[in-house]
Amino acid sequence: MAKQLLVIHGPNLNLLGQRETSIYGSKTLDDINHNISAKADSLAVSVDFFQSNNESDLVDKIQEAAQHCDGIIINAAAYTHTSVAIRDAIAAINTPVIEVHLSNVHQREEFRHHSYIAPVCIGQITGFGEDSYLLAVEAFASKLNS
């Protein structure tokens, strides 16, 4: 049976391709999801996607995913730097989680340098644009198949 990943996109990522393209690039969220699917398919991994601008929806999805997913890739976006609730949801499950960001948050504003969720994730990939997600899929495929 194929391993199952869930990719969770946080607030404002639905506006990719329109907002701050100098930081986030010109690809839309659909473009990125399509490329993640292609990478996952090439690695015999099944992938689903979820995006919400609401913190409680993200918490609910993390808890739900723990019942049927082998791994979660999350770009919590702004909630990375503010949400103890998302951090606690990740800590409460046994499903491994990788944190990703399109931009290098450590080269940006000071408030973006701290991640509440990094300490409860198995890894963090930041600063490689869309490739941050693709690298996370590769990491999970390697981890889940070993």
Protein backbone atom coordinates (compact mmCIF):
# COMPACT_ATOMS: atom_id res chain seq x y z
CA MET A 1 0.00 0.00 0.00
CA ALA A 2 1.31 3.47 -0.88
CA LYS A 3 2.40 5.68 1.95
CA GLN A 4 0.03 8.60 2.55
CA LEU A 5 1.19 12.20 3.01
CA LEU A 6 -0.87 15.26 3.77
CA VAL A 7 0.37 18.68 2.72
CA ILE A 8 -1.12 21.48 4.82
CA HIS A 9 -0.95 25.05 3.58
CA GLY A 10 -1.65 27.85 6.05
CA PRO A 11 -3.01 31.37 5.75
CA ASN A 12 -2.62 33.45 2.60
CA LEU A 13 -0.99 30.64 0.63
CA ASN A 14 -4.17 30.53 -1.45
CA LEU A 15 -2.95 33.90 -2.83
CA LEU A 16 0.35 32.57 -4.17
CA GLY A 17 1.10 33.92 -7.62
CA GLN A 18 -0.63 37.19 -6.72
CA ARG A 19 0.92 38.33 -3.45
CA GLU A 20 4.48 39.50 -2.95
CA THR A 21 5.81 37.61 -5.96
CA SER A 22 9.30 38.98 -5.27
CA ILE A 23 9.28 36.87 -2.09
CA TYR A 24 6.99 33.94 -2.91
CA GLY A 25 7.33 33.63 -6.69
CA SER A 26 4.77 33.62 -9.45
CA LYS A 27 3.47 30.05 -9.16
CA THR A 28 -0.01 29.55 -7.82
CA LEU A 29 -0.89 27.12 -5.05
CA ASP A 30 -2.47 24.87 -7.69
CA ASP A 31 0.81 24.90 -9.65
CA ILE A 32 2.76 23.94 -6.55
CA ASN A 33 0.28 21.21 -5.59
CA HIS A 34 0.47 19.79 -9.11
CA ASN A 35 4.27 19.58 -8.90
CA ILE A 36 4.12 18.05 -5.42
CA SER A 37 1.71 15.41 -6.77
CA ALA A 38 4.05 14.62 -9.65
CA LYS A 39 7.02 14.24 -7.28
CA ALA A 40 4.98 12.06 -4.91
CA ASP A 41 3.77 9.87 -7.78
CA SER A 42 7.35 9.36 -8.95
CA LEU A 43 8.22 8.13 -5.45
CA ALA A 44 5.13 5.90 -5.06
CA VAL A 45 3.68 8.13 -2.34
CA SER A 46 0.05 9.21 -2.21
CA VAL A 47 -0.58 12.84 -1.31
CA ASP A 48 -3.58 14.96 -0.30
CA PHE A 49 -3.75 18.72 0.17
CA PHE A 50 -5.47 21.07 2.57
CA GLN A 51 -5.38 24.86 2.79
CA SER A 52 -7.03 27.12 5.31
CA ASN A 53 -6.68 30.65 6.58
CA ASN A 54 -8.16 29.56 9.93
CA GLU A 55 -6.02 28.31 12.78
CA SER A 56 -8.72 26.01 14.18
CA ASP A 57 -9.18 24.31 10.79
CA LEU A 58 -5.44 23.59 10.68
CA VAL A 59 -5.50 22.12 14.19
CA ASP A 60 -8.50 19.94 13.32
CA LYS A 61 -6.82 18.71 10.13
CA ILE A 62 -3.59 17.81 11.96
CA GLN A 63 -5.55 15.79 14.52
CA GLU A 64 -7.62 14.09 11.79
CA ALA A 65 -4.54 13.29 9.69
CA ALA A 66 -2.97 11.41 12.57
CA GLN A 67 -5.62 8.73 12.04
CA HIS A 68 -4.75 7.93 8.41
CA CYS A 69 -1.53 9.63 7.25
CA ASP A 70 2.03 8.40 7.42
CA GLY A 71 3.42 11.93 7.38
CA ILE A 72 2.47 15.61 7.23
CA ILE A 73 4.21 18.45 5.43
CA ILE A 74 3.09 21.79 6.82
CA ASN A 75 3.64 25.36 5.79
CA ALA A 76 1.88 27.05 8.66
CA ALA A 77 2.81 30.43 7.14
CA ALA A 78 2.28 33.26 9.65
CA TYR A 79 0.97 30.80 12.25
CA THR A 80 4.49 29.35 12.40
CA HIS A 81 5.51 32.36 14.46
CA THR A 82 2.39 32.73 16.59
CA SER A 83 0.47 29.50 17.11
CA VAL A 84 0.94 27.47 20.24
CA ALA A 85 -2.26 25.63 19.26
CA ILE A 86 -0.72 24.28 16.03
CA ARG A 87 2.47 23.42 17.91
CA ASP A 88 0.47 21.51 20.52
CA ALA A 89 -1.56 19.67 17.85
CA ILE A 90 1.66 18.46 16.20
CA ALA A 91 3.14 17.47 19.57
CA ALA A 92 -0.01 15.51 20.43
CA ILE A 93 0.21 13.13 17.46
CA ASN A 94 2.65 10.36 16.58
CA THR A 95 2.67 11.20 12.88
CA PRO A 96 5.97 12.74 11.73
CA VAL A 97 5.75 16.32 10.47
CA ILE A 98 8.13 18.40 8.35
CA GLU A 99 7.85 22.19 8.45
CA VAL A 100 8.41 23.97 5.12
CA HIS A 101 8.60 27.58 3.95
CA LEU A 102 8.97 29.01 0.48
CA SER A 103 11.16 31.90 1.63
CA ASN A 104 14.13 31.76 3.96
CA VAL A 105 12.39 33.01 7.09
CA HIS A 106 15.76 33.54 8.77
CA GLN A 107 16.68 36.21 6.21
CA ARG A 108 13.45 38.10 6.75
CA GLU A 109 11.97 40.20 9.54
CA GLU A 110 13.10 39.34 13.06
CA PHE A 111 9.64 38.13 14.13
CA ARG A 112 9.84 35.39 11.45
CA HIS A 113 13.04 33.92 12.91
CA HIS A 114 11.21 32.00 15.63
CA SER A 115 9.10 28.94 14.86
CA TYR A 116 6.81 27.53 17.50
CA ILE A 117 6.38 24.36 15.47
CA ALA A 118 10.00 23.51 14.54
CA PRO A 119 10.80 21.88 17.91
CA VAL A 120 7.97 19.35 17.46
CA CYS A 121 8.71 18.57 13.79
CA ILE A 122 11.25 16.04 12.54
CA GLY A 123 12.78 18.70 10.29
CA GLN A 124 12.47 22.11 8.68
CA ILE A 125 13.11 23.04 5.04
CA THR A 126 13.11 26.74 4.27
CA GLY A 127 14.17 29.08 1.53
CA PHE A 128 14.02 26.92 -1.59
CA GLY A 129 10.71 28.15 -2.98
CA GLU A 130 8.55 25.37 -4.33
CA ASP A 131 11.50 22.99 -3.96
CA SER A 132 11.08 23.21 -0.17
CA TYR A 133 7.94 21.10 -0.58
CA LEU A 134 9.57 18.74 -3.09
CA LEU A 135 12.55 18.18 -0.81
CA ALA A 136 10.13 17.38 2.03
CA VAL A 137 8.35 14.80 -0.14
CA GLU A 138 11.72 13.21 -0.97
CA ALA A 139 12.69 13.17 2.71
CA PHE A 140 9.44 11.46 3.67
CA ALA A 141 9.68 8.93 0.84
CA SER A 142 13.17 8.02 2.04
CA LYS A 143 12.13 7.86 5.69
CA LEU A 144 8.90 5.96 5.10
CA ASN A 145 10.47 3.40 2.79
CA SER A 146 13.45 2.64 5.03
